[in-house]
């Protein structure tokens, strides 16, 4: 279980549906590259926050940084 910080954060059930739709990073398949700098779920939560609140990009909560979302 993950604690929800904002009402727009995905529930565990929603994440279970979305996660298989994301591409597997090359570094996990042994093809090189680097691990993700930010959690994919946190990135999607930030996007959902932005869409729901209609806020400016730089007003997105600090984690992950707005310029990475």
N, C-alpha and C. Protein backbone atom coordinates (compact mmCIF):
# COMPACT_ATOMS: atom_id res chain seq x y z
N UNK A 1 0.84 -1.19 0.00
CA UNK A 1 0.00 0.00 0.00
C UNK A 1 0.88 1.24 0.00
N UNK A 2 0.49 2.20 -0.78
CA UNK A 2 1.21 3.46 -0.88
C UNK A 2 0.30 4.56 -0.38
N UNK A 3 0.86 5.45 0.42
CA UNK A 3 0.07 6.55 0.96
C UNK A 3 -0.23 7.56 -0.14
N UNK A 4 -1.49 7.96 -0.27
CA UNK A 4 -1.88 8.96 -1.26
C UNK A 4 -1.69 10.34 -0.66
N UNK A 5 -0.92 11.18 -1.36
CA UNK A 5 -0.67 12.53 -0.88
C UNK A 5 -1.72 13.50 -1.37
N UNK A 6 -2.27 13.26 -2.56
CA UNK A 6 -3.24 14.15 -3.18
C UNK A 6 -4.42 13.32 -3.67
N UNK A 7 -5.59 13.92 -3.78
CA UNK A 7 -6.76 13.17 -4.27
C UNK A 7 -6.57 12.63 -5.69
N UNK A 8 -5.69 13.26 -6.46
CA UNK A 8 -5.46 12.82 -7.83
C UNK A 8 -4.47 11.67 -7.94
N UNK A 9 -3.79 11.31 -6.84
CA UNK A 9 -2.86 10.18 -6.88
C UNK A 9 -3.62 8.89 -7.20
N UNK A 10 -2.98 8.03 -7.98
CA UNK A 10 -3.60 6.77 -8.35
C UNK A 10 -3.71 5.84 -7.15
N UNK A 11 -4.80 5.12 -7.10
CA UNK A 11 -4.95 4.08 -6.09
C UNK A 11 -4.12 2.88 -6.54
N UNK A 12 -3.92 1.94 -5.64
CA UNK A 12 -3.17 0.73 -6.01
C UNK A 12 -3.89 -0.04 -7.12
N UNK A 13 -5.22 -0.03 -7.09
CA UNK A 13 -5.99 -0.73 -8.13
C UNK A 13 -5.80 -0.06 -9.49
N UNK A 14 -5.80 1.28 -9.53
CA UNK A 14 -5.57 1.99 -10.79
C UNK A 14 -4.16 1.72 -11.31
N UNK A 15 -3.17 1.75 -10.41
CA UNK A 15 -1.79 1.49 -10.80
C UNK A 15 -1.65 0.07 -11.35
N UNK A 16 -2.36 -0.87 -10.79
CA UNK A 16 -2.29 -2.25 -11.27
C UNK A 16 -2.79 -2.37 -12.71
N UNK A 17 -3.72 -1.50 -13.11
CA UNK A 17 -4.22 -1.50 -14.48
C UNK A 17 -3.25 -0.79 -15.42
N UNK A 18 -2.68 0.32 -14.97
CA UNK A 18 -1.81 1.15 -15.82
C UNK A 18 -0.42 0.55 -16.00
N UNK A 19 0.14 -0.01 -14.95
CA UNK A 19 1.54 -0.47 -14.98
C UNK A 19 1.86 -1.41 -16.15
N UNK A 20 1.04 -2.41 -16.44
CA UNK A 20 1.38 -3.31 -17.56
C UNK A 20 1.36 -2.62 -18.92
N UNK A 21 0.74 -1.44 -19.02
CA UNK A 21 0.67 -0.73 -20.29
C UNK A 21 1.95 0.06 -20.60
N UNK A 22 2.78 0.28 -19.58
CA UNK A 22 4.02 1.02 -19.76
C UNK A 22 5.10 0.12 -20.34
N UNK A 23 5.93 0.69 -21.19
CA UNK A 23 7.03 -0.08 -21.77
C UNK A 23 8.05 -0.43 -20.71
N UNK A 24 8.65 -1.61 -20.85
CA UNK A 24 9.71 -2.02 -19.94
C UNK A 24 10.99 -1.30 -20.36
N UNK A 25 11.66 -0.61 -19.44
CA UNK A 25 12.88 0.10 -19.80
C UNK A 25 13.96 -0.85 -20.31
N UNK A 26 14.78 -0.36 -21.23
CA UNK A 26 15.84 -1.18 -21.81
C UNK A 26 16.80 -1.72 -20.76
N UNK A 27 17.11 -0.93 -19.74
CA UNK A 27 18.07 -1.39 -18.74
C UNK A 27 17.56 -2.59 -17.97
N UNK A 28 16.24 -2.74 -17.86
CA UNK A 28 15.68 -3.92 -17.18
C UNK A 28 15.73 -5.16 -18.07
N UNK A 29 15.84 -4.94 -19.38
CA UNK A 29 15.92 -6.05 -20.32
C UNK A 29 17.36 -6.38 -20.71
N UNK A 30 18.32 -5.75 -20.03
CA UNK A 30 19.73 -6.03 -20.30
C UNK A 30 20.24 -5.40 -21.57
N UNK A 31 19.60 -4.33 -22.03
CA UNK A 31 20.02 -3.67 -23.27
C UNK A 31 20.78 -2.38 -23.02
N UNK A 32 21.23 -2.17 -21.82
CA UNK A 32 21.96 -0.95 -21.51
C UNK A 32 21.04 0.15 -21.04
N UNK A 33 21.60 1.33 -20.94
CA UNK A 33 20.81 2.45 -20.46
C UNK A 33 20.91 2.61 -18.96
N UNK A 34 20.18 3.54 -18.44
CA UNK A 34 20.22 3.83 -17.01
C UNK A 34 18.84 3.69 -16.40
N UNK A 35 18.81 3.39 -15.11
CA UNK A 35 17.51 3.33 -14.43
C UNK A 35 16.80 4.68 -14.48
N UNK A 36 15.49 4.64 -14.39
CA UNK A 36 14.71 5.87 -14.37
C UNK A 36 15.13 6.72 -13.17
N UNK A 37 15.22 8.02 -13.40
CA UNK A 37 15.59 8.93 -12.32
C UNK A 37 14.43 9.14 -11.35
N UNK A 38 13.18 9.00 -11.85
CA UNK A 38 12.00 9.21 -11.03
C UNK A 38 11.03 8.05 -11.21
N UNK A 39 10.29 7.79 -10.18
CA UNK A 39 9.30 6.73 -10.19
C UNK A 39 8.22 7.04 -11.24
N UNK A 40 7.90 6.07 -12.06
CA UNK A 40 6.90 6.27 -13.11
C UNK A 40 5.53 6.58 -12.53
N UNK A 41 5.22 5.95 -11.43
CA UNK A 41 3.93 6.22 -10.80
C UNK A 41 3.85 7.67 -10.31
N UNK A 42 4.95 8.17 -9.74
CA UNK A 42 4.99 9.56 -9.29
C UNK A 42 4.85 10.52 -10.46
N UNK A 43 5.43 10.18 -11.60
CA UNK A 43 5.32 11.01 -12.79
C UNK A 43 3.86 11.08 -13.26
N UNK A 44 3.20 9.93 -13.29
CA UNK A 44 1.80 9.90 -13.71
C UNK A 44 0.91 10.63 -12.71
N UNK A 45 1.22 10.50 -11.42
CA UNK A 45 0.46 11.23 -10.41
C UNK A 45 0.61 12.73 -10.61
N UNK A 46 1.81 13.19 -10.95
CA UNK A 46 2.04 14.62 -11.19
C UNK A 46 1.24 15.10 -12.40
N UNK A 47 1.19 14.29 -13.45
CA UNK A 47 0.42 14.66 -14.64
C UNK A 47 -1.07 14.74 -14.31
N UNK A 48 -1.55 13.76 -13.55
CA UNK A 48 -2.95 13.77 -13.16
C UNK A 48 -3.28 14.99 -12.29
N UNK A 49 -2.35 15.37 -11.41
CA UNK A 49 -2.53 16.56 -10.58
C UNK A 49 -2.65 17.80 -11.46
N UNK A 50 -1.79 17.90 -12.43
CA UNK A 50 -1.79 19.05 -13.34
C UNK A 50 -3.09 19.12 -14.12
N UNK A 51 -3.53 18.01 -14.69
CA UNK A 51 -4.75 17.98 -15.49
C UNK A 51 -5.97 18.31 -14.63
N UNK A 52 -6.03 17.75 -13.45
CA UNK A 52 -7.19 17.97 -12.58
C UNK A 52 -7.27 19.40 -12.08
N UNK A 53 -6.14 19.98 -11.72
CA UNK A 53 -6.14 21.31 -11.10
C UNK A 53 -5.93 22.44 -12.09
N UNK A 54 -5.53 22.12 -13.31
CA UNK A 54 -5.32 23.16 -14.30
C UNK A 54 -4.25 24.15 -13.89
N UNK A 55 -3.29 23.69 -13.13
CA UNK A 55 -2.25 24.57 -12.62
C UNK A 55 -1.13 24.74 -13.65
N UNK A 56 -0.26 25.65 -13.39
CA UNK A 56 0.91 25.85 -14.26
C UNK A 56 1.93 24.76 -13.97
N UNK A 57 2.73 24.43 -14.98
CA UNK A 57 3.72 23.35 -14.82
C UNK A 57 4.60 23.56 -13.61
N UNK A 58 5.08 24.77 -13.39
CA UNK A 58 6.02 24.99 -12.30
C UNK A 58 5.35 25.02 -10.94
N UNK A 59 4.02 24.89 -10.91
CA UNK A 59 3.30 24.83 -9.65
C UNK A 59 2.97 23.40 -9.24
N UNK A 60 3.45 22.43 -10.01
CA UNK A 60 3.24 21.02 -9.66
C UNK A 60 4.04 20.72 -8.39
N UNK A 61 3.53 19.87 -7.49
CA UNK A 61 4.29 19.54 -6.28
C UNK A 61 5.73 19.14 -6.61
N UNK A 62 6.60 19.35 -5.68
CA UNK A 62 8.05 19.28 -5.90
C UNK A 62 8.61 17.91 -6.28
N UNK A 63 7.90 16.84 -6.04
CA UNK A 63 8.49 15.53 -6.32
C UNK A 63 7.60 14.75 -7.25
N UNK A 64 7.92 14.52 -8.49
CA UNK A 64 9.15 14.91 -9.16
C UNK A 64 9.12 16.37 -9.60
N UNK A 65 10.29 16.94 -9.89
CA UNK A 65 10.36 18.34 -10.32
C UNK A 65 9.52 18.60 -11.57
N UNK A 66 8.94 19.79 -11.65
CA UNK A 66 8.04 20.12 -12.75
C UNK A 66 8.72 19.98 -14.10
N UNK A 67 10.00 20.29 -14.21
CA UNK A 67 10.66 20.23 -15.52
C UNK A 67 11.01 18.82 -15.93
N UNK A 68 10.76 17.84 -15.07
CA UNK A 68 10.98 16.43 -15.43
C UNK A 68 9.69 15.74 -15.85
N UNK A 69 8.56 16.31 -15.41
CA UNK A 69 7.26 15.74 -15.75
C UNK A 69 6.95 16.03 -17.19
